[in-house]
PDB file of N, CA and C in Angstrom:
ATOM      1  N   UNK A   1      83.329 -27.166  77.981  1.00  0.00           N
ATOM      2  CA  UNK A   1      82.081 -26.373  78.756  1.00  0.00           C
ATOM      3  C   UNK A   1      80.909 -27.330  78.542  1.00  0.00           C
ATOM      4  N   UNK A   2      80.285 -27.410  79.815  1.00  0.00           N
ATOM      5  CA  UNK A   2      78.919 -28.151  79.885  1.00  0.00           C
ATOM      6  C   UNK A   2      77.815 -26.997  79.441  1.00  0.00           C
ATOM      7  N   UNK A   3      76.621 -27.618  79.107  1.00  0.00           N
ATOM      8  CA  UNK A   3      75.692 -26.667  78.686  1.00  0.00           C
ATOM      9  C   UNK A   3      74.681 -26.523  79.936  1.00  0.00           C
ATOM     10  N   UNK A   4      74.039 -25.317  79.759  1.00  0.00           N
ATOM     11  CA  UNK A   4      72.824 -25.003  80.701  1.00  0.00           C
ATOM     12  C   UNK A   4      71.643 -25.748  79.947  1.00  0.00           C
ATOM     13  N   UNK A   5      70.519 -25.858  80.772  1.00  0.00           N
ATOM     14  CA  UNK A   5      69.310 -26.729  80.236  1.00  0.00           C
ATOM     15  C   UNK A   5      68.092 -25.939  80.652  1.00  0.00           C
ATOM     16  N   UNK A   6      67.214 -25.833  79.469  1.00  0.00           N
ATOM     17  CA  UNK A   6      65.908 -25.521  79.479  1.00  0.00           C
ATOM     18  C   UNK A   6      64.831 -26.896  79.487  1.00  0.00           C
ATOM     19  N   UNK A   7      64.049 -26.833  80.403  1.00  0.00           N
ATOM     20  CA  UNK A   7      63.061 -28.126  80.329  1.00  0.00           C
ATOM     21  C   UNK A   7      61.634 -27.670  79.668  1.00  0.00           C
ATOM     22  N   UNK A   8      61.056 -28.416  78.814  1.00  0.00           N
ATOM     23  CA  UNK A   8      59.765 -28.308  78.512  1.00  0.00           C
ATOM     24  C   UNK A   8      59.131 -29.589  79.060  1.00  0.00           C
ATOM     25  N   UNK A   9      58.348 -29.577  80.218  1.00  0.00           N
ATOM     26  CA  UNK A   9      57.764 -30.723  80.681  1.00  0.00           C
ATOM     27  C   UNK A   9      56.294 -31.024  80.430  1.00  0.00           C
ATOM     28  N   UNK A  10      56.222 -32.358  80.147  1.00  0.00           N
ATOM     29  CA  UNK A  10      54.684 -32.906  80.240  1.00  0.00           C
ATOM     30  C   UNK A  10      53.784 -32.172  79.298  1.00  0.00           C
ATOM     31  N   UNK A  11      54.372 -32.056  77.890  1.00  0.00           N
ATOM     32  CA  UNK A  11      53.580 -31.445  76.953  1.00  0.00           C
ATOM     33  C   UNK A  11      52.730 -32.669  76.332  1.00  0.00           C
ATOM     34  N   UNK A  12      51.335 -32.438  76.474  1.00  0.00           N
ATOM     35  CA  UNK A  12      50.461 -33.523  76.056  1.00  0.00           C
ATOM     36  C   UNK A  12      49.845 -33.110  74.765  1.00  0.00           C
ATOM     37  N   UNK A  13      50.139 -33.913  73.655  1.00  0.00           N
ATOM     38  CA  UNK A  13      49.509 -33.773  72.479  1.00  0.00           C
ATOM     39  C   UNK A  13      48.971 -34.764  71.804  1.00  0.00           C
ATOM     40  N   UNK A  14      48.221 -34.755  70.739  1.00  0.00           N
ATOM     41  CA  UNK A  14      47.577 -35.780  70.065  1.00  0.00           C
ATOM     42  C   UNK A  14      48.092 -35.827  68.529  1.00  0.00           C
ATOM     43  N   UNK A  15      48.156 -36.964  68.066  1.00  0.00           N
ATOM     44  CA  UNK A  15      48.889 -37.303  66.584  1.00  0.00           C
ATOM     45  C   UNK A  15      48.483 -38.619  66.436  1.00  0.00           C
ATOM     46  N   UNK A  16      48.564 -38.919  64.976  1.00  0.00           N
ATOM     47  CA  UNK A  16      48.363 -40.224  64.519  1.00  0.00           C
ATOM     48  C   UNK A  16      49.848 -41.083  64.652  1.00  0.00           C
ATOM     49  N   UNK A  17      49.984 -42.148  65.373  1.00  0.00           N
ATOM     50  CA  UNK A  17      51.002 -42.674  65.814  1.00  0.00           C
ATOM     51  C   UNK A  17      50.845 -44.212  65.912  1.00  0.00           C
ATOM     52  N   UNK A  18      51.642 -45.031  65.042  1.00  0.00           N
ATOM     53  CA  UNK A  18      51.517 -46.448  65.163  1.00  0.00           C
ATOM     54  C   UNK A  18      51.404 -47.022  63.729  1.00  0.00           C
ATOM     55  N   UNK A  19      51.566 -48.370  63.481  1.00  0.00           N
ATOM     56  CA  UNK A  19      51.490 -49.137  62.361  1.00  0.00           C
ATOM     57  C   UNK A  19      50.377 -49.923  62.152  1.00  0.00           C
ATOM     58  N   UNK A  20      49.729 -50.107  63.218  1.00  0.00           N
ATOM     59  CA  UNK A  20      48.378 -51.103  63.147  1.00  0.00           C
ATOM     60  C   UNK A  20      47.257 -50.229  62.771  1.00  0.00           C
ATOM     61  N   UNK A  21      46.370 -50.854  61.815  1.00  0.00           N
ATOM     62  CA  UNK A  21      45.066 -50.147  61.394  1.00  0.00           C
ATOM     63  C   UNK A  21      44.340 -49.483  62.578  1.00  0.00           C
ATOM     64  N   UNK A  22      44.313 -50.070  63.695  1.00  0.00           N
ATOM     65  CA  UNK A  22      43.389 -49.354  64.512  1.00  0.00           C
ATOM     66  C   UNK A  22      44.056 -48.301  65.272  1.00  0.00           C
ATOM     67  N   UNK A  23      45.562 -48.251  65.343  1.00  0.00           N
ATOM     68  CA  UNK A  23      46.239 -46.968  65.587  1.00  0.00           C
ATOM     69  C   UNK A  23      46.216 -45.907  64.703  1.00  0.00           C
ATOM     70  N   UNK A  24      45.881 -46.283  63.652  1.00  0.00           N
ATOM     71  CA  UNK A  24      45.798 -45.016  62.415  1.00  0.00           C
ATOM     72  C   UNK A  24      44.448 -44.551  62.177  1.00  0.00           C
ATOM     73  N   UNK A  25      43.634 -45.059  62.847  1.00  0.00           N
ATOM     74  CA  UNK A  25      42.166 -44.424  62.606  1.00  0.00           C
ATOM     75  C   UNK A  25      41.844 -43.139  63.485  1.00  0.00           C
ATOM     76  N   UNK A  26      42.437 -42.722  64.376  1.00  0.00           N
ATOM     77  CA  UNK A  26      42.179 -41.688  65.182  1.00  0.00           C
ATOM     78  C   UNK A  26      43.527 -41.136  65.872  1.00  0.00           C
ATOM     79  N   UNK A  27      43.602 -39.924  66.350  1.00  0.00           N
ATOM     80  CA  UNK A  27      44.743 -39.422  66.870  1.00  0.00           C
ATOM     81  C   UNK A  27      44.778 -39.915  68.397  1.00  0.00           C
ATOM     82  N   UNK A  28      46.146 -40.221  68.723  1.00  0.00           N
ATOM     83  CA  UNK A  28      46.304 -40.768  70.231  1.00  0.00           C
ATOM     84  C   UNK A  28      47.258 -39.611  71.015  1.00  0.00           C
ATOM     85  N   UNK A  29      47.070 -39.832  72.285  1.00  0.00           N
ATOM     86  CA  UNK A  29      47.845 -39.068  73.136  1.00  0.00           C
ATOM     87  C   UNK A  29      49.462 -39.454  73.145  1.00  0.00           C
ATOM     88  N   UNK A  30      50.161 -38.308  73.166  1.00  0.00           N
ATOM     89  CA  UNK A  30      51.646 -38.766  73.488  1.00  0.00           C
ATOM     90  C   UNK A  30      52.131 -37.514  74.462  1.00  0.00           C
ATOM     91  N   UNK A  31      52.915 -38.012  75.344  1.00  0.00           N
ATOM     92  CA  UNK A  31      53.376 -37.145  76.349  1.00  0.00           C
ATOM     93  C   UNK A  31      54.848 -36.710  76.231  1.00  0.00           C
ATOM     94  N   UNK A  32      55.182 -35.518  75.801  1.00  0.00           N
ATOM     95  CA  UNK A  32      56.392 -35.077  75.433  1.00  0.00           C
ATOM     96  C   UNK A  32      57.274 -34.232  76.533  1.00  0.00           C
ATOM     97  N   UNK A  33      58.578 -34.584  76.832  1.00  0.00           N
ATOM     98  CA  UNK A  33      59.469 -34.080  77.553  1.00  0.00           C
ATOM     99  C   UNK A  33      60.662 -33.843  76.875  1.00  0.00           C
ATOM    100  N   UNK A  34      61.106 -32.549  76.931  1.00  0.00           N
ATOM    101  CA  UNK A  34      62.236 -31.917  76.053  1.00  0.00           C
ATOM    102  C   UNK A  34      63.098 -31.059  77.034  1.00  0.00           C
ATOM    103  N   UNK A  35      64.384 -31.408  76.893  1.00  0.00           N
ATOM    104  CA  UNK A  35      65.567 -30.993  77.395  1.00  0.00           C
ATOM    105  C   UNK A  35      66.424 -30.064  76.178  1.00  0.00           C
ATOM    106  N   UNK A  36      66.338 -28.769  76.371  1.00  0.00           N
ATOM    107  CA  UNK A  36      67.011 -28.077  75.436  1.00  0.00           C
ATOM    108  C   UNK A  36      68.620 -27.634  75.982  1.00  0.00           C
ATOM    109  N   UNK A  37      69.601 -27.927  75.361  1.00  0.00           N
ATOM    110  CA  UNK A  37      70.803 -27.720  75.976  1.00  0.00           C
ATOM    111  C   UNK A  37      71.460 -26.372  75.288  1.00  0.00           C
ATOM    112  N   UNK A  38      71.916 -25.408  76.196  1.00  0.00           N
ATOM    113  CA  UNK A  38      72.205 -24.143  75.645  1.00  0.00           C
ATOM    114  C   UNK A  38      73.202 -23.530  76.580  1.00  0.00           C
ATOM    115  N   UNK A  39      73.716 -22.232  76.080  1.00  0.00           N
ATOM    116  CA  UNK A  39      74.643 -21.491  76.739  1.00  0.00           C
ATOM    117  C   UNK A  39      73.713 -20.161  77.414  1.00  0.00           C
ATOM    118  N   UNK A  40      73.422 -20.247  78.664  1.00  0.00           N
ATOM    119  CA  UNK A  40      72.653 -19.063  79.186  1.00  0.00           C
ATOM    120  C   UNK A  40      73.529 -17.928  79.814  1.00  0.00           C
ATOM    121  N   UNK A  41      74.683 -18.075  79.604  1.00  0.00           N
ATOM    122  CA  UNK A  41      75.514 -16.943  80.230  1.00  0.00           C
ATOM    123  C   UNK A  41      74.995 -15.504  79.651  1.00  0.00           C
ATOM    124  N   UNK A  42      74.814 -15.585  78.173  1.00  0.00           N
ATOM    125  CA  UNK A  42      74.564 -14.146  77.394  1.00  0.00           C
ATOM    126  C   UNK A  42      73.273 -13.582  78.079  1.00  0.00           C
ATOM    127  N   UNK A  43      72.121 -14.446  78.027  1.00  0.00           N
ATOM    128  CA  UNK A  43      70.922 -14.107  78.408  1.00  0.00           C
ATOM    129  C   UNK A  43      70.773 -13.604  79.923  1.00  0.00           C
ATOM    130  N   UNK A  44      71.624 -14.469  80.675  1.00  0.00           N
ATOM    131  CA  UNK A  44      71.685 -14.174  81.957  1.00  0.00           C
ATOM    132  C   UNK A  44      72.189 -12.561  82.429  1.00  0.00           C
ATOM    133  N   UNK A  45      73.066 -12.274  81.495  1.00  0.00           N
ATOM    134  CA  UNK A  45      73.574 -10.886  81.618  1.00  0.00           C
ATOM    135  C   UNK A  45      72.873  -9.859  80.986  1.00  0.00           C
ATOM    136  N   UNK A  46      72.251 -10.244  79.896  1.00  0.00           N
ATOM    137  CA  UNK A  46      71.576  -9.138  78.828  1.00  0.00           C
ATOM    138  C   UNK A  46      70.126  -9.002  79.287  1.00  0.00           C
ATOM    139  N   UNK A  47      69.460 -10.032  79.892  1.00  0.00           N
ATOM    140  CA  UNK A  47      67.987 -10.180  80.338  1.00  0.00           C
ATOM    141  C   UNK A  47      67.142  -9.853  79.015  1.00  0.00           C
ATOM    142  N   UNK A  48      67.374 -10.365  77.956  1.00  0.00           N
ATOM    143  CA  UNK A  48      66.803 -10.176  76.670  1.00  0.00           C
ATOM    144  C   UNK A  48      66.376 -11.592  76.046  1.00  0.00           C
ATOM    145  N   UNK A  49      65.238 -11.601  75.465  1.00  0.00           N
ATOM    146  CA  UNK A  49      65.048 -12.777  75.021  1.00  0.00           C
ATOM    147  C   UNK A  49      65.675 -13.478  73.555  1.00  0.00           C
ATOM    148  N   UNK A  50      66.218 -12.397  72.765  1.00  0.00           N
ATOM    149  CA  UNK A  50      66.847 -12.422  71.687  1.00  0.00           C
ATOM    150  C   UNK A  50      68.075 -13.315  71.934  1.00  0.00           C
ATOM    151  N   UNK A  51      68.611 -13.077  73.082  1.00  0.00           N
ATOM    152  CA  UNK A  51      69.907 -13.736  73.604  1.00  0.00           C
ATOM    153  C   UNK A  51      69.746 -15.336  73.816  1.00  0.00           C
ATOM    154  N   UNK A  52      68.426 -15.552  73.950  1.00  0.00           N
ATOM    155  CA  UNK A  52      68.014 -16.991  74.613  1.00  0.00           C
ATOM    156  C   UNK A  52      67.225 -17.767  73.818  1.00  0.00           C
ATOM    157  N   UNK A  53      66.951 -18.861  74.175  1.00  0.00           N
ATOM    158  CA  UNK A  53      65.935 -19.709  73.424  1.00  0.00           C
ATOM    159  C   UNK A  53      64.490 -19.360  73.958  1.00  0.00           C
ATOM    160  N   UNK A  54      63.810 -19.158  73.026  1.00  0.00           N
ATOM    161  CA  UNK A  54      62.416 -18.607  73.300  1.00  0.00           C
ATOM    162  C   UNK A  54      61.532 -19.881  73.236  1.00  0.00           C
ATOM    163  N   UNK A  55      61.564 -20.242  74.524  1.00  0.00           N
ATOM    164  CA  UNK A  55      60.977 -21.837  74.634  1.00  0.00           C
ATOM    165  C   UNK A  55      59.384 -21.887  74.181  1.00  0.00           C
ATOM    166  N   UNK A  56      58.743 -20.652  74.178  1.00  0.00           N
ATOM    167  CA  UNK A  56      57.410 -20.545  73.842  1.00  0.00           C
ATOM    168  C   UNK A  56      57.262 -20.743  72.172  1.00  0.00           C
ATOM    169  N   UNK A  57      58.223 -20.138  71.503  1.00  0.00           N
ATOM    170  CA  UNK A  57      58.258 -20.401  70.051  1.00  0.00           C
ATOM    171  C   UNK A  57      58.642 -21.830  69.782  1.00  0.00           C
ATOM    172  N   UNK A  58      59.558 -22.500  70.477  1.00  0.00           N
ATOM    173  CA  UNK A  58      60.035 -23.757  70.304  1.00  0.00           C
ATOM    174  C   UNK A  58      58.717 -24.708  70.403  1.00  0.00           C
ATOM    175  N   UNK A  59      58.030 -24.541  71.606  1.00  0.00           N
ATOM    176  CA  UNK A  59      56.866 -25.340  71.957  1.00  0.00           C
ATOM    177  C   UNK A  59      55.836 -25.180  70.817  1.00  0.00           C
ATOM    178  N   UNK A  60      55.534 -23.935  70.199  1.00  0.00           N
ATOM    179  CA  UNK A  60      54.542 -23.829  69.281  1.00  0.00           C
ATOM    180  C   UNK A  60      55.047 -24.764  68.109  1.00  0.00           C
ATOM    181  N   UNK A  61      56.306 -24.566  67.615  1.00  0.00           N
ATOM    182  CA  UNK A  61      56.688 -25.272  66.660  1.00  0.00           C
ATOM    183  C   UNK A  61      56.583 -26.954  66.839  1.00  0.00           C
ATOM    184  N   UNK A  62      56.989 -27.272  67.919  1.00  0.00           N
ATOM    185  CA  UNK A  62      56.533 -28.698  68.429  1.00  0.00           C
ATOM    186  C   UNK A  62      55.128 -29.106  68.132  1.00  0.00           C
ATOM    187  N   UNK A  63      54.358 -28.234  68.592  1.00  0.00           N
ATOM    188  CA  UNK A  63      52.984 -28.569  68.744  1.00  0.00           C
ATOM    189  C   UNK A  63      52.431 -28.704  67.346  1.00  0.00           C
ATOM    190  N   UNK A  64      52.903 -27.764  66.457  1.00  0.00           N
ATOM    191  CA  UNK A  64      52.545 -27.776  65.004  1.00  0.00           C
ATOM    192  C   UNK A  64      52.874 -28.930  64.200  1.00  0.00           C
ATOM    193  N   UNK A  65      54.202 -29.433  64.456  1.00  0.00           N
ATOM    194  CA  UNK A  65      54.796 -30.552  63.858  1.00  0.00           C
ATOM    195  C   UNK A  65      54.035 -31.955  64.251  1.00  0.00           C
ATOM    196  N   UNK A  66      53.982 -31.990  65.613  1.00  0.00           N
ATOM    197  CA  UNK A  66      53.231 -33.167  66.028  1.00  0.00           C
ATOM    198  C   UNK A  66      52.053 -33.390  65.684  1.00  0.00           C
ATOM    199  N   UNK A  67      51.012 -32.590  65.933  1.00  0.00           N
ATOM    200  CA  UNK A  67      49.540 -32.243  65.500  1.00  0.00           C
ATOM    201  C   UNK A  67      49.307 -32.857  64.129  1.00  0.00           C
ATOM    202  N   UNK A  68      50.280 -32.297  63.289  1.00  0.00           N
ATOM    203  CA  UNK A  68      50.265 -32.567  61.958  1.00  0.00           C
ATOM    204  C   UNK A  68      50.775 -33.933  61.459  1.00  0.00           C
ATOM    205  N   UNK A  69      51.458 -34.528  62.178  1.00  0.00           N
ATOM    206  CA  UNK A  69      52.354 -35.653  61.975  1.00  0.00           C
ATOM    207  C   UNK A  69      51.409 -37.155  61.797  1.00  0.00           C
ATOM    208  N   UNK A  70      51.922 -38.086  61.063  1.00  0.00           N
ATOM    209  CA  UNK A  70      51.373 -39.181  60.942  1.00  0.00           C
ATOM    210  C   UNK A  70      52.468 -40.085  60.730  1.00  0.00           C
ATOM    211  N   UNK A  71      53.203 -40.643  61.763  1.00  0.00           N
ATOM    212  CA  UNK A  71      54.202 -41.534  61.669  1.00  0.00           C
ATOM    213  C   UNK A  71      53.766 -42.915  62.241  1.00  0.00           C
ATOM    214  N   UNK A  72      54.709 -43.824  61.665  1.00  0.00           N
ATOM    215  CA  UNK A  72      54.372 -45.436  62.176  1.00  0.00           C
ATOM    216  C   UNK A  72      55.054 -45.584  63.439  1.00  0.00           C
ATOM    217  N   UNK A  73      56.236 -45.018  63.570  1.00  0.00           N
ATOM    218  CA  UNK A  73      57.137 -45.431  64.671  1.00  0.00           C
ATOM    219  C   UNK A  73      57.415 -44.198  65.601  1.00  0.00           C
ATOM    220  N   UNK A  74      57.071 -44.472  66.904  1.00  0.00           N
ATOM    221  CA  UNK A  74      57.455 -43.369  68.042  1.00  0.00           C
ATOM    222  C   UNK A  74      58.828 -42.968  67.937  1.00  0.00           C
ATOM    223  N   UNK A  75      59.739 -43.839  67.430  1.00  0.00           N
ATOM    224  CA  UNK A  75      61.273 -43.333  67.106  1.00  0.00           C
ATOM    225  C   UNK A  75      61.228 -42.143  66.365  1.00  0.00           C
ATOM    226  N   UNK A  76      60.381 -42.456  64.956  1.00  0.00           N
ATOM    227  CA  UNK A  76      60.460 -41.349  64.018  1.00  0.00           C
ATOM    228  C   UNK A  76      59.852 -39.994  64.687  1.00  0.00           C
ATOM    229  N   UNK A  77      58.774 -40.180  65.253  1.00  0.00           N
ATOM    230  CA  UNK A  77      58.138 -38.854  65.932  1.00  0.00           C
ATOM    231  C   UNK A  77      59.221 -37.989  66.842  1.00  0.00           C
ATOM    232  N   UNK A  78      59.794 -39.048  67.623  1.00  0.00           N
ATOM    233  CA  UNK A  78      60.754 -38.442  68.573  1.00  0.00           C
ATOM    234  C   UNK A  78      61.900 -37.714  67.943  1.00  0.00           C
ATOM    235  N   UNK A  79      62.450 -38.177  66.772  1.00  0.00           N
ATOM    236  CA  UNK A  79      63.598 -37.670  66.110  1.00  0.00           C
ATOM    237  C   UNK A  79      63.087 -36.437  65.338  1.00  0.00           C
ATOM    238  N   UNK A  80      61.844 -36.418  64.950  1.00  0.00           N
ATOM    239  CA  UNK A  80      61.243 -35.238  64.167  1.00  0.00           C
ATOM    240  C   UNK A  80      61.143 -33.971  65.195  1.00  0.00           C
ATOM    241  N   UNK A  81      60.700 -34.362  66.554  1.00  0.00           N
ATOM    242  CA  UNK A  81      60.628 -33.242  67.540  1.00  0.00           C
ATOM    243  C   UNK A  81      62.164 -32.751  67.833  1.00  0.00           C
ATOM    244  N   UNK A  82      63.128 -33.660  67.881  1.00  0.00           N
ATOM    245  CA  UNK A  82      64.327 -33.213  68.086  1.00  0.00           C
ATOM    246  C   UNK A  82      65.017 -32.368  66.930  1.00  0.00           C
ATOM    247  N   UNK A  83      64.594 -32.599  65.599  1.00  0.00           N
ATOM    248  CA  UNK A  83      65.026 -31.947  64.536  1.00  0.00           C
ATOM    249  C   UNK A  83      64.344 -30.387  64.665  1.00  0.00           C
ATOM    250  N   UNK A  84      63.005 -30.308  65.083  1.00  0.00           N
ATOM    251  CA  UNK A  84      62.348 -28.954  65.122  1.00  0.00           C
ATOM    252  C   UNK A  84      63.009 -28.270  66.291  1.00  0.00           C
ATOM    253  N   UNK A  85      63.570 -28.864  67.281  1.00  0.00           N
ATOM    254  CA  UNK A  85      64.237 -28.053  68.428  1.00  0.00           C
ATOM    255  C   UNK A  85      65.504 -27.480  68.027  1.00  0.00           C
ATOM    256  N   UNK A  86      66.334 -28.382  67.283  1.00  0.00           N
ATOM    257  CA  UNK A  86      67.480 -27.866  66.811  1.00  0.00           C
ATOM    258  C   UNK A  86      67.520 -26.745  65.716  1.00  0.00           C
ATOM    259  N   UNK A  87      66.184 -26.495  65.156  1.00  0.00           N
ATOM    260  CA  UNK A  87      66.278 -25.327  64.258  1.00  0.00           C
ATOM    261  C   UNK A  87      66.399 -24.123  64.995  1.00  0.00           C
ATOM    262  N   UNK A  88      66.326 -24.003  66.231  1.00  0.00           N
ATOM    263  CA  UNK A  88      66.587 -22.787  67.113  1.00  0.00           C
ATOM    264  C   UNK A  88      68.134 -22.699  67.056  1.00  0.00           C
ATOM    265  N   UNK A  89      68.616 -21.513  66.678  1.00  0.00           N
ATOM    266  CA  UNK A  89      70.070 -21.369  66.677  1.00  0.00           C
ATOM    267  C   UNK A  89      70.707 -21.416  67.989  1.00  0.00           C
ATOM    268  N   UNK A  90      70.081 -21.058  69.006  1.00  0.00           N
ATOM    269  CA  UNK A  90      70.557 -21.344  70.458  1.00  0.00           C
ATOM    270  C   UNK A  90      70.742 -22.685  70.920  1.00  0.00           C
ATOM    271  N   UNK A  91      69.956 -23.618  70.369  1.00  0.00           N
ATOM    272  CA  UNK A  91      70.037 -24.949  70.982  1.00  0.00           C
ATOM    273  C   UNK A  91      71.162 -25.691  70.253  1.00  0.00           C
ATOM    274  N   UNK A  92      72.026 -26.097  71.307  1.00  0.00           N
ATOM    275  CA  UNK A  92      73.244 -27.040  70.802  1.00  0.00           C
ATOM    276  C   UNK A  92      72.998 -28.421  70.754  1.00  0.00           C
ATOM    277  N   UNK A  93      72.118 -28.801  71.674  1.00  0.00           N
ATOM    278  CA  UNK A  93      71.868 -30.202  71.947  1.00  0.00           C
ATOM    279  C   UNK A  93      70.495 -30.196  72.440  1.00  0.00           C
ATOM    280  N   UNK A  94      69.696 -31.613  72.275  1.00  0.00           N
ATOM    281  CA  UNK A  94      68.302 -31.837  72.779  1.00  0.00           C
ATOM    282  C   UNK A  94      68.382 -33.358  73.032  1.00  0.00           C
ATOM    283  N   UNK A  95      67.551 -33.406  74.195  1.00  0.00           N
ATOM    284  CA  UNK A  95      67.099 -34.672  74.553  1.00  0.00           C
ATOM    285  C   UNK A  95      65.495 -34.577  74.659  1.00  0.00           C
ATOM    286  N   UNK A  96      65.016 -35.662  73.904  1.00  0.00           N
ATOM    287  CA  UNK A  96      63.347 -35.681  73.858  1.00  0.00           C
ATOM    288  C   UNK A  96      63.086 -37.052  74.282  1.00  0.00           C
ATOM    289  N   UNK A  97      61.942 -37.089  75.087  1.00  0.00           N
ATOM    290  CA  UNK A  97      61.330 -38.230  75.646  1.00  0.00           C
ATOM    291  C   UNK A  97      59.795 -38.232  75.351  1.00  0.00           C
ATOM    292  N   UNK A  98      59.375 -39.148  74.464  1.00  0.00           N
ATOM    293  CA  UNK A  98      58.083 -39.075  74.067  1.00  0.00           C
ATOM    294  C   UNK A  98      57.351 -40.554  74.791  1.00  0.00           C
ATOM    295  N   UNK A  99      56.346 -40.250  75.549  1.00  0.00           N
ATOM    296  CA  UNK A  99      55.540 -41.514  75.869  1.00  0.00           C
ATOM    297  C   UNK A  99      54.316 -41.631  75.123  1.00  0.00           C
ATOM    298  N   UNK A 100      54.049 -42.950  74.964  1.00  0.00           N
ATOM    299  CA  UNK A 100      52.776 -43.255  74.257  1.00  0.00           C
ATOM    300  C   UNK A 100      51.946 -44.085  75.243  1.00  0.00           C
ATOM    301  N   UNK A 101      51.066 -43.378  76.026  1.00  0.00           N
ATOM    302  CA  UNK A 101      50.248 -44.069  77.109  1.00  0.00           C
ATOM    303  C   UNK A 101      49.484 -45.096  76.505  1.00  0.00           C
ATOM    304  N   UNK A 102      49.421 -46.245  77.263  1.00  0.00           N
ATOM    305  CA  UNK A 102      48.502 -47.307  76.901  1.00  0.00           C
ATOM    306  C   UNK A 102      48.832 -48.185  75.602  1.00  0.00           C
ATOM    307  N   UNK A 103      50.039 -48.214  75.144  1.00  0.00           N
ATOM    308  CA  UNK A 103      50.507 -48.517  74.075  1.00  0.00           C
ATOM    309  C   UNK A 103      50.878 -50.142  74.292  1.00  0.00           C
ATOM    310  N   UNK A 104      51.100 -50.716  75.417  1.00  0.00           N
ATOM    311  CA  UNK A 104      51.284 -52.056  75.783  1.00  0.00           C
ATOM    312  C   UNK A 104      50.109 -52.376  76.960  1.00  0.00           C
ATOM    313  N   UNK A 105      49.669 -53.515  76.819  1.00  0.00           N
ATOM    314  CA  UNK A 105      48.600 -54.073  77.831  1.00  0.00           C
ATOM    315  C   UNK A 105      49.549 -54.127  79.228  1.00  0.00           C
ATOM    316  N   UNK A 106      49.059 -53.809  80.237  1.00  0.00           N
ATOM    317  CA  UNK A 106      49.615 -54.064  81.631  1.00  0.00           C
ATOM    318  C   UNK A 106      50.649 -52.858  81.946  1.00  0.00           C
ATOM    319  N   UNK A 107      50.956 -52.058  80.851  1.00  0.00           N
ATOM    320  CA  UNK A 107      52.074 -50.971  81.050  1.00  0.00           C
ATOM    321  C   UNK A 107      51.348 -49.524  80.981  1.00  0.00           C
ATOM    322  N   UNK A 108      51.796 -48.602  81.845  1.00  0.00           N
ATOM    323  CA  UNK A 108      51.379 -47.351  81.755  1.00  0.00           C
ATOM    324  C   UNK A 108      51.665 -46.703  80.369  1.00  0.00           C
ATOM    325  N   UNK A 109      52.716 -47.003  80.004  1.00  0.00           N
ATOM    326  CA  UNK A 109      53.274 -46.259  78.695  1.00  0.00           C
ATOM    327  C   UNK A 109      54.328 -47.036  78.001  1.00  0.00           C
ATOM    328  N   UNK A 110      54.561 -46.749  76.777  1.00  0.00           N
ATOM    329  CA  UNK A 110      55.999 -46.995  76.286  1.00  0.00           C
ATOM    330  C   UNK A 110      56.546 -45.748  75.739  1.00  0.00           C
ATOM    331  N   UNK A 111      57.885 -45.629  75.979  1.00  0.00           N
ATOM    332  CA  UNK A 111      58.571 -44.351  75.899  1.00  0.00           C
ATOM    333  C   UNK A 111      59.889 -44.579  74.876  1.00  0.00           C
ATOM    334  N   UNK A 112      60.260 -43.668  74.131  1.00  0.00           N
ATOM    335  CA  UNK A 112      61.491 -43.517  73.407  1.00  0.00           C
ATOM    336  C   UNK A 112      62.069 -42.145  73.846  1.00  0.00           C
ATOM    337  N   UNK A 113      63.457 -42.367  74.100  1.00  0.00           N
ATOM    338  CA  UNK A 113      64.150 -41.190  74.295  1.00  0.00           C
ATOM    339  C   UNK A 113      65.468 -41.014  73.413  1.00  0.00           C
ATOM    340  N   UNK A 114      65.651 -39.887  72.942  1.00  0.00           N
ATOM    341  CA  UNK A 114      66.885 -39.743  72.150  1.00  0.00           C
ATOM    342  C   UNK A 114      67.677 -38.531  72.421  1.00  0.00           C
ATOM    343  N   UNK A 115      68.901 -38.292  72.226  1.00  0.00           N
ATOM    344  CA  UNK A 115      69.852 -37.226  72.182  1.00  0.00           C
ATOM    345  C   UNK A 115      70.191 -36.878  70.793  1.00  0.00           C
ATOM    346  N   UNK A 116      70.167 -35.748  70.468  1.00  0.00           N
ATOM    347  CA  UNK A 116      70.740 -35.184  69.223  1.00  0.00           C
ATOM    348  C   UNK A 116      71.458 -33.765  69.419  1.00  0.00           C
ATOM    349  N   UNK A 117      72.704 -33.745  68.701  1.00  0.00           N
ATOM    350  CA  UNK A 117      73.479 -32.487  68.822  1.00  0.00           C
ATOM    351  C   UNK A 117      73.526 -31.852  67.435  1.00  0.00           C
ATOM    352  N   UNK A 118      73.637 -30.405  67.497  1.00  0.00           N
ATOM    353  CA  UNK A 118      73.805 -29.687  66.374  1.00  0.00           C
ATOM    354  C   UNK A 118      75.168 -30.085  65.594  1.00  0.00           C
ATOM    355  N   UNK A 119      75.159 -30.322  64.360  1.00  0.00           N
ATOM    356  CA  UNK A 119      76.238 -30.942  63.577  1.00  0.00           C
ATOM    357  C   UNK A 119      77.053 -29.611  63.221  1.00  0.00           C
TER     358      UNK A 119
END
């Protein structure tokens, strides 16, 4: 069976990210895109939020984690976001893409994308 998808697109947050001294002084923008893989057949029939992924709650948990975080690597931040998403019992798999605008000269951004599944 394939999964259905819920997208959280272009969530712009600020956090300490990077290992250089100048990157650790002030929060930087990160742009987050999340794909939550789930089975939506139940909520499609019942029309009640308890049968689905409450993406507003997932978003709030992601915001809380990211804004309090202080990671050296974009990879670690990205996995931390995936872990938060998988705490929701309805999320079976997640894809997280995190962009760090301005991380490289002459490039709009650098991004890391990971896929994680519930074990």
